[in-house]
């Protein structure tokens, strides 16, 4: 069973509704990893996360995206010719 991470972003005005946050925290197989004033980062197995879009109207549900940071250190070239 693979674990996935999703971002739930509240699309309404103002902060996210506390009742929705409570519902997300109590959902079986789902863990709230982090939150901000308008978003939740949740983790769970794919079966538990499958119905999120229908369960949270007024929220956008998207898979978490991660990016690697490029190595910006300067490097010396090879030995001089």
PDB file of N, CA and C in Angstrom:
ATOM      1  N   UNK A   1       0.848  -1.165   0.000  1.00  0.00           N
ATOM      2  CA  UNK A   1       0.000   0.000   0.000  1.00  0.00           C
ATOM      3  C   UNK A   1       0.903   1.240   0.000  1.00  0.00           C
ATOM      4  N   UNK A   2       0.807   2.047  -1.042  1.00  0.00           N
ATOM      5  CA  UNK A   2       1.659   3.222  -1.179  1.00  0.00           C
ATOM      6  C   UNK A   2       1.037   4.421  -0.476  1.00  0.00           C
ATOM      7  N   UNK A   3       1.892   5.179   0.189  1.00  0.00           N
ATOM      8  CA  UNK A   3       1.433   6.407   0.828  1.00  0.00           C
ATOM      9  C   UNK A   3       1.618   7.562  -0.140  1.00  0.00           C
ATOM     10  N   UNK A   4       0.639   8.439  -0.189  1.00  0.00           N
ATOM     11  CA  UNK A   4       0.714   9.622  -1.029  1.00  0.00           C
ATOM     12  C   UNK A   4       0.512  10.859  -0.184  1.00  0.00           C
ATOM     13  N   UNK A   5       0.984  11.975  -0.688  1.00  0.00           N
ATOM     14  CA  UNK A   5       0.778  13.258  -0.017  1.00  0.00           C
ATOM     15  C   UNK A   5       0.006  14.180  -0.939  1.00  0.00           C
ATOM     16  N   UNK A   6      -0.966  14.867  -0.373  1.00  0.00           N
ATOM     17  CA  UNK A   6      -1.794  15.787  -1.130  1.00  0.00           C
ATOM     18  C   UNK A   6      -1.894  17.113  -0.399  1.00  0.00           C
ATOM     19  N   UNK A   7      -2.068  18.178  -1.179  1.00  0.00           N
ATOM     20  CA  UNK A   7      -2.275  19.512  -0.634  1.00  0.00           C
ATOM     21  C   UNK A   7      -3.750  19.834  -0.821  1.00  0.00           C
ATOM     22  N   UNK A   8      -4.416  20.195   0.255  1.00  0.00           N
ATOM     23  CA  UNK A   8      -5.797  20.662   0.213  1.00  0.00           C
ATOM     24  C   UNK A   8      -5.752  22.174   0.418  1.00  0.00           C
ATOM     25  N   UNK A   9      -6.221  22.927  -0.574  1.00  0.00           N
ATOM     26  CA  UNK A   9      -6.209  24.391  -0.485  1.00  0.00           C
ATOM     27  C   UNK A   9      -7.642  24.878  -0.441  1.00  0.00           C
ATOM     28  N   UNK A  10      -7.960  25.646   0.602  1.00  0.00           N
ATOM     29  CA  UNK A  10      -9.302  26.192   0.753  1.00  0.00           C
ATOM     30  C   UNK A  10      -9.482  27.341  -0.229  1.00  0.00           C
ATOM     31  N   UNK A  11     -10.534  27.294  -1.035  1.00  0.00           N
ATOM     32  CA  UNK A  11     -10.759  28.291  -2.078  1.00  0.00           C
ATOM     33  C   UNK A  11     -11.685  29.428  -1.656  1.00  0.00           C
ATOM     34  N   UNK A  12     -12.283  29.320  -0.485  1.00  0.00           N
ATOM     35  CA  UNK A  12     -13.209  30.350  -0.030  1.00  0.00           C
ATOM     36  C   UNK A  12     -12.489  31.558   0.550  1.00  0.00           C
ATOM     37  N   UNK A  13     -13.273  32.552   0.931  1.00  0.00           N
ATOM     38  CA  UNK A  13     -12.724  33.748   1.568  1.00  0.00           C
ATOM     39  C   UNK A  13     -12.391  33.444   3.027  1.00  0.00           C
ATOM     40  N   UNK A  14     -11.354  34.089   3.520  1.00  0.00           N
ATOM     41  CA  UNK A  14     -10.974  33.930   4.915  1.00  0.00           C
ATOM     42  C   UNK A  14     -10.211  32.639   5.164  1.00  0.00           C
ATOM     43  N   UNK A  15     -10.004  32.335   6.437  1.00  0.00           N
ATOM     44  CA  UNK A  15      -9.242  31.119   6.783  1.00  0.00           C
ATOM     45  C   UNK A  15     -10.072  29.857   6.536  1.00  0.00           C
ATOM     46  N   UNK A  16      -9.398  28.736   6.551  1.00  0.00           N
ATOM     47  CA  UNK A  16     -10.080  27.459   6.313  1.00  0.00           C
ATOM     48  C   UNK A  16     -11.062  27.164   7.453  1.00  0.00           C
ATOM     49  N   UNK A  17     -12.181  26.522   7.156  1.00  0.00           N
ATOM     50  CA  UNK A  17     -13.169  26.217   8.187  1.00  0.00           C
ATOM     51  C   UNK A  17     -12.643  25.183   9.187  1.00  0.00           C
ATOM     52  N   UNK A  18     -12.732  25.467  10.476  1.00  0.00           N
ATOM     53  CA  UNK A  18     -12.276  24.514  11.498  1.00  0.00           C
ATOM     54  C   UNK A  18     -12.983  23.158  11.414  1.00  0.00           C
ATOM     55  N   UNK A  19     -14.242  23.145  10.987  1.00  0.00           N
ATOM     56  CA  UNK A  19     -14.971  21.877  10.888  1.00  0.00           C
ATOM     57  C   UNK A  19     -14.342  20.982   9.819  1.00  0.00           C
ATOM     58  N   UNK A  20     -13.901  21.570   8.712  1.00  0.00           N
ATOM     59  CA  UNK A  20     -13.254  20.782   7.656  1.00  0.00           C
ATOM     60  C   UNK A  20     -11.904  20.256   8.129  1.00  0.00           C
ATOM     61  N   UNK A  21     -11.171  21.058   8.867  1.00  0.00           N
ATOM     62  CA  UNK A  21      -9.875  20.624   9.396  1.00  0.00           C
ATOM     63  C   UNK A  21     -10.077  19.455  10.356  1.00  0.00           C
ATOM     64  N   UNK A  22     -11.076  19.566  11.197  1.00  0.00           N
ATOM     65  CA  UNK A  22     -11.385  18.492  12.140  1.00  0.00           C
ATOM     66  C   UNK A  22     -11.768  17.207  11.397  1.00  0.00           C
ATOM     67  N   UNK A  23     -12.551  17.351  10.334  1.00  0.00           N
ATOM     68  CA  UNK A  23     -12.948  16.189   9.525  1.00  0.00           C
ATOM     69  C   UNK A  23     -11.741  15.525   8.880  1.00  0.00           C
ATOM     70  N   UNK A  24     -10.791  16.339   8.392  1.00  0.00           N
ATOM     71  CA  UNK A  24      -9.576  15.784   7.777  1.00  0.00           C
ATOM     72  C   UNK A  24      -8.734  15.051   8.813  1.00  0.00           C
ATOM     73  N   UNK A  25      -8.637  15.613  10.010  1.00  0.00           N
ATOM     74  CA  UNK A  25      -7.840  14.981  11.069  1.00  0.00           C
ATOM     75  C   UNK A  25      -8.451  13.656  11.533  1.00  0.00           C
ATOM     76  N   UNK A  26      -9.771  13.521  11.443  1.00  0.00           N
ATOM     77  CA  UNK A  26     -10.448  12.315  11.906  1.00  0.00           C
ATOM     78  C   UNK A  26     -10.662  11.275  10.816  1.00  0.00           C
ATOM     79  N   UNK A  27     -10.309  11.608   9.567  1.00  0.00           N
ATOM     80  CA  UNK A  27     -10.523  10.664   8.466  1.00  0.00           C
ATOM     81  C   UNK A  27      -9.634   9.440   8.665  1.00  0.00           C
ATOM     82  N   UNK A  28     -10.186   8.248   8.503  1.00  0.00           N
ATOM     83  CA  UNK A  28      -9.382   7.029   8.690  1.00  0.00           C
ATOM     84  C   UNK A  28      -8.322   6.897   7.597  1.00  0.00           C
ATOM     85  N   UNK A  29      -7.120   6.548   7.995  1.00  0.00           N
ATOM     86  CA  UNK A  29      -6.034   6.339   7.049  1.00  0.00           C
ATOM     87  C   UNK A  29      -5.382   7.609   6.555  1.00  0.00           C
ATOM     88  N   UNK A  30      -5.744   8.766   7.143  1.00  0.00           N
ATOM     89  CA  UNK A  30      -5.211  10.058   6.704  1.00  0.00           C
ATOM     90  C   UNK A  30      -4.526  10.739   7.885  1.00  0.00           C
ATOM     91  N   UNK A  31      -3.356  11.319   7.630  1.00  0.00           N
ATOM     92  CA  UNK A  31      -2.624  12.078   8.646  1.00  0.00           C
ATOM     93  C   UNK A  31      -2.395  13.491   8.138  1.00  0.00           C
ATOM     94  N   UNK A  32      -2.714  14.484   8.959  1.00  0.00           N
ATOM     95  CA  UNK A  32      -2.412  15.876   8.611  1.00  0.00           C
ATOM     96  C   UNK A  32      -0.957  16.111   8.994  1.00  0.00           C
ATOM     97  N   UNK A  33      -0.119  16.370   8.000  1.00  0.00           N
ATOM     98  CA  UNK A  33       1.311  16.534   8.211  1.00  0.00           C
ATOM     99  C   UNK A  33       1.657  17.974   8.582  1.00  0.00           C
ATOM    100  N   UNK A  34       1.006  18.936   7.910  1.00  0.00           N
ATOM    101  CA  UNK A  34       1.301  20.353   8.140  1.00  0.00           C
ATOM    102  C   UNK A  34       0.084  21.157   7.719  1.00  0.00           C
ATOM    103  N   UNK A  35       0.010  22.389   8.213  1.00  0.00           N
ATOM    104  CA  UNK A  35      -1.078  23.262   7.796  1.00  0.00           C
ATOM    105  C   UNK A  35      -0.652  24.716   7.830  1.00  0.00           C
ATOM    106  N   UNK A  36      -1.330  25.510   7.016  1.00  0.00           N
ATOM    107  CA  UNK A  36      -1.140  26.953   6.972  1.00  0.00           C
ATOM    108  C   UNK A  36      -2.541  27.567   7.030  1.00  0.00           C
ATOM    109  N   UNK A  37      -2.669  28.892   7.013  1.00  0.00           N
ATOM    110  CA  UNK A  37      -4.007  29.479   7.144  1.00  0.00           C
ATOM    111  C   UNK A  37      -5.030  29.015   6.100  1.00  0.00           C
ATOM    112  N   UNK A  38      -4.592  28.639   4.888  1.00  0.00           N
ATOM    113  CA  UNK A  38      -5.542  28.221   3.857  1.00  0.00           C
ATOM    114  C   UNK A  38      -5.285  26.823   3.310  1.00  0.00           C
ATOM    115  N   UNK A  39      -4.284  26.111   3.843  1.00  0.00           N
ATOM    116  CA  UNK A  39      -3.935  24.816   3.264  1.00  0.00           C
ATOM    117  C   UNK A  39      -3.663  23.753   4.320  1.00  0.00           C
ATOM    118  N   UNK A  40      -3.828  22.494   3.883  1.00  0.00           N
ATOM    119  CA  UNK A  40      -3.454  21.333   4.678  1.00  0.00           C
ATOM    120  C   UNK A  40      -2.581  20.439   3.805  1.00  0.00           C
ATOM    121  N   UNK A  41      -1.526  19.898   4.384  1.00  0.00           N
ATOM    122  CA  UNK A  41      -0.735  18.861   3.725  1.00  0.00           C
ATOM    123  C   UNK A  41      -1.097  17.571   4.420  1.00  0.00           C
ATOM    124  N   UNK A  42      -1.649  16.621   3.657  1.00  0.00           N
ATOM    125  CA  UNK A  42      -2.092  15.365   4.254  1.00  0.00           C
ATOM    126  C   UNK A  42      -1.367  14.200   3.605  1.00  0.00           C
ATOM    127  N   UNK A  43      -1.291  13.106   4.356  1.00  0.00           N
ATOM    128  CA  UNK A  43      -0.632  11.901   3.886  1.00  0.00           C
ATOM    129  C   UNK A  43      -1.520  10.716   4.210  1.00  0.00           C
ATOM    130  N   UNK A  44      -1.542   9.757   3.320  1.00  0.00           N
ATOM    131  CA  UNK A  44      -2.319   8.556   3.565  1.00  0.00           C
ATOM    132  C   UNK A  44      -2.197   7.587   2.411  1.00  0.00           C
ATOM    133  N   UNK A  45      -2.812   6.417   2.574  1.00  0.00           N
ATOM    134  CA  UNK A  45      -2.778   5.450   1.491  1.00  0.00           C
ATOM    135  C   UNK A  45      -3.727   5.913   0.388  1.00  0.00           C
ATOM    136  N   UNK A  46      -3.445   5.466  -0.830  1.00  0.00           N
ATOM    137  CA  UNK A  46      -4.190   5.938  -1.997  1.00  0.00           C
ATOM    138  C   UNK A  46      -5.689   5.673  -1.893  1.00  0.00           C
ATOM    139  N   UNK A  47      -6.067   4.572  -1.287  1.00  0.00           N
ATOM    140  CA  UNK A  47      -7.493   4.259  -1.147  1.00  0.00           C
ATOM    141  C   UNK A  47      -8.198   5.263  -0.242  1.00  0.00           C
ATOM    142  N   UNK A  48      -7.538   5.690   0.829  1.00  0.00           N
ATOM    143  CA  UNK A  48      -8.132   6.655   1.752  1.00  0.00           C
ATOM    144  C   UNK A  48      -8.218   8.043   1.138  1.00  0.00           C
ATOM    145  N   UNK A  49      -7.277   8.380   0.266  1.00  0.00           N
ATOM    146  CA  UNK A  49      -7.219   9.715  -0.321  1.00  0.00           C
ATOM    147  C   UNK A  49      -8.032   9.839  -1.606  1.00  0.00           C
ATOM    148  N   UNK A  50      -8.539   8.728  -2.123  1.00  0.00           N
ATOM    149  CA  UNK A  50      -9.199   8.738  -3.425  1.00  0.00           C
ATOM    150  C   UNK A  50     -10.427   9.655  -3.467  1.00  0.00           C
ATOM    151  N   UNK A  51     -11.212   9.699  -2.429  1.00  0.00           N
ATOM    152  CA  UNK A  51     -12.451  10.479  -2.451  1.00  0.00           C
ATOM    153  C   UNK A  51     -12.348  11.864  -1.860  1.00  0.00           C
ATOM    154  N   UNK A  52     -11.168  12.408  -1.757  1.00  0.00           N
ATOM    155  CA  UNK A  52     -10.999  13.709  -1.097  1.00  0.00           C
ATOM    156  C   UNK A  52     -11.705  14.846  -1.818  1.00  0.00           C
ATOM    157  N   UNK A  53     -11.636  14.880  -3.133  1.00  0.00           N
ATOM    158  CA  UNK A  53     -12.235  15.995  -3.870  1.00  0.00           C
ATOM    159  C   UNK A  53     -13.740  16.074  -3.610  1.00  0.00           C
ATOM    160  N   UNK A  54     -14.400  14.922  -3.531  1.00  0.00           N
ATOM    161  CA  UNK A  54     -15.838  14.915  -3.268  1.00  0.00           C
ATOM    162  C   UNK A  54     -16.142  15.203  -1.797  1.00  0.00           C
ATOM    163  N   UNK A  55     -15.259  14.759  -0.913  1.00  0.00           N
ATOM    164  CA  UNK A  55     -15.499  14.915   0.525  1.00  0.00           C
ATOM    165  C   UNK A  55     -15.270  16.339   1.002  1.00  0.00           C
ATOM    166  N   UNK A  56     -14.492  17.134   0.251  1.00  0.00           N
ATOM    167  CA  UNK A  56     -14.182  18.498   0.661  1.00  0.00           C
ATOM    168  C   UNK A  56     -14.572  19.488  -0.432  1.00  0.00           C
ATOM    169  N   UNK A  57     -15.881  19.784  -0.597  1.00  0.00           N
ATOM    170  CA  UNK A  57     -16.269  20.795  -1.577  1.00  0.00           C
ATOM    171  C   UNK A  57     -15.756  22.166  -1.125  1.00  0.00           C
ATOM    172  N   UNK A  58     -15.356  22.975  -2.072  1.00  0.00           N
ATOM    173  CA  UNK A  58     -14.795  24.286  -1.739  1.00  0.00           C
ATOM    174  C   UNK A  58     -13.295  24.229  -1.515  1.00  0.00           C
ATOM    175  N   UNK A  59     -12.712  23.056  -1.705  1.00  0.00           N
ATOM    176  CA  UNK A  59     -11.272  22.864  -1.555  1.00  0.00           C
ATOM    177  C   UNK A  59     -10.705  22.337  -2.874  1.00  0.00           C
ATOM    178  N   UNK A  60      -9.477  22.721  -3.190  1.00  0.00           N
ATOM    179  CA  UNK A  60      -8.758  22.143  -4.330  1.00  0.00           C
ATOM    180  C   UNK A  60      -7.829  21.071  -3.779  1.00  0.00           C
ATOM    181  N   UNK A  61      -7.848  19.909  -4.392  1.00  0.00           N
ATOM    182  CA  UNK A  61      -7.029  18.787  -3.946  1.00  0.00           C
ATOM    183  C   UNK A  61      -6.021  18.476  -5.050  1.00  0.00           C
ATOM    184  N   UNK A  62      -4.733  18.608  -4.727  1.00  0.00           N
ATOM    185  CA  UNK A  62      -3.684  18.328  -5.707  1.00  0.00           C
ATOM    186  C   UNK A  62      -2.580  17.495  -5.067  1.00  0.00           C
ATOM    187  N   UNK A  63      -1.946  16.632  -5.844  1.00  0.00           N
ATOM    188  CA  UNK A  63      -0.818  15.866  -5.307  1.00  0.00           C
ATOM    189  C   UNK A  63       0.328  16.806  -4.943  1.00  0.00           C
ATOM    190  N   UNK A  64       1.050  16.471  -3.894  1.00  0.00           N
ATOM    191  CA  UNK A  64       2.207  17.268  -3.502  1.00  0.00           C
ATOM    192  C   UNK A  64       3.269  17.166  -4.594  1.00  0.00           C
ATOM    193  N   UNK A  65       3.887  18.298  -4.902  1.00  0.00           N
ATOM    194  CA  UNK A  65       4.986  18.315  -5.860  1.00  0.00           C
ATOM    195  C   UNK A  65       6.243  18.726  -5.119  1.00  0.00           C
ATOM    196  N   UNK A  66       7.320  18.027  -5.395  1.00  0.00           N
ATOM    197  CA  UNK A  66       8.598  18.386  -4.789  1.00  0.00           C
ATOM    198  C   UNK A  66       9.587  18.708  -5.896  1.00  0.00           C
ATOM    199  N   UNK A  67      10.524  19.562  -5.584  1.00  0.00           N
ATOM    200  CA  UNK A  67      11.525  19.983  -6.538  1.00  0.00           C
ATOM    201  C   UNK A  67      12.895  19.835  -5.896  1.00  0.00           C
ATOM    202  N   UNK A  68      13.857  19.384  -6.684  1.00  0.00           N
ATOM    203  CA  UNK A  68      15.214  19.320  -6.156  1.00  0.00           C
ATOM    204  C   UNK A  68      15.882  20.679  -6.360  1.00  0.00           C
ATOM    205  N   UNK A  69      16.696  21.054  -5.411  1.00  0.00           N
ATOM    206  CA  UNK A  69      17.391  22.332  -5.474  1.00  0.00           C
ATOM    207  C   UNK A  69      18.666  22.131  -6.285  1.00  0.00           C
ATOM    208  N   UNK A  70      18.884  22.971  -7.297  1.00  0.00           N
ATOM    209  CA  UNK A  70      20.094  22.791  -8.097  1.00  0.00           C
ATOM    210  C   UNK A  70      21.346  23.111  -7.286  1.00  0.00           C
ATOM    211  N   UNK A  71      22.425  22.435  -7.625  1.00  0.00           N
ATOM    212  CA  UNK A  71      23.704  22.668  -6.965  1.00  0.00           C
ATOM    213  C   UNK A  71      24.352  23.890  -7.614  1.00  0.00           C
ATOM    214  N   UNK A  72      24.398  25.009  -6.908  1.00  0.00           N
ATOM    215  CA  UNK A  72      24.896  26.261  -7.464  1.00  0.00           C
ATOM    216  C   UNK A  72      26.353  26.537  -7.078  1.00  0.00           C
ATOM    217  N   UNK A  73      27.005  25.564  -6.462  1.00  0.00           N
ATOM    218  CA  UNK A  73      28.401  25.787  -6.083  1.00  0.00           C
ATOM    219  C   UNK A  73      29.276  25.859  -7.330  1.00  0.00           C
ATOM    220  N   UNK A  74      30.219  26.763  -7.301  1.00  0.00           N
ATOM    221  CA  UNK A  74      31.146  26.867  -8.418  1.00  0.00           C
ATOM    222  C   UNK A  74      32.141  25.726  -8.325  1.00  0.00           C
ATOM    223  N   UNK A  75      32.506  25.210  -9.467  1.00  0.00           N
ATOM    224  CA  UNK A  75      33.439  24.086  -9.506  1.00  0.00           C
ATOM    225  C   UNK A  75      34.673  24.489 -10.305  1.00  0.00           C
ATOM    226  N   UNK A  76      35.788  23.982  -9.866  1.00  0.00           N
ATOM    227  CA  UNK A  76      37.028  24.193 -10.611  1.00  0.00           C
ATOM    228  C   UNK A  76      37.027  23.243 -11.789  1.00  0.00           C
ATOM    229  N   UNK A  77      37.590  23.720 -12.888  1.00  0.00           N
ATOM    230  CA  UNK A  77      37.722  22.852 -14.046  1.00  0.00           C
ATOM    231  C   UNK A  77      38.837  21.860 -13.821  1.00  0.00           C
ATOM    232  N   UNK A  78      39.169  21.125 -14.804  1.00  0.00           N
ATOM    233  CA  UNK A  78      40.259  20.156 -14.698  1.00  0.00           C
ATOM    234  C   UNK A  78      41.599  20.871 -14.593  1.00  0.00           C
ATOM    235  N   UNK A  79      42.674  20.140 -14.606  1.00  0.00           N
ATOM    236  CA  UNK A  79      43.997  20.758 -14.516  1.00  0.00           C
ATOM    237  C   UNK A  79      44.271  21.616 -15.759  1.00  0.00           C
ATOM    238  N   UNK A  80      45.051  22.684 -15.591  1.00  0.00           N
ATOM    239  CA  UNK A  80      45.336  23.545 -16.746  1.00  0.00           C
ATOM    240  C   UNK A  80      46.095  22.778 -17.825  1.00  0.00           C
ATOM    241  N   UNK A  81      45.883  23.168 -19.052  1.00  0.00           N
ATOM    242  CA  UNK A  81      46.545  22.491 -20.178  1.00  0.00           C
ATOM    243  C   UNK A  81      47.993  22.843 -20.277  1.00  0.00           C
TER     244      UNK A  81
END
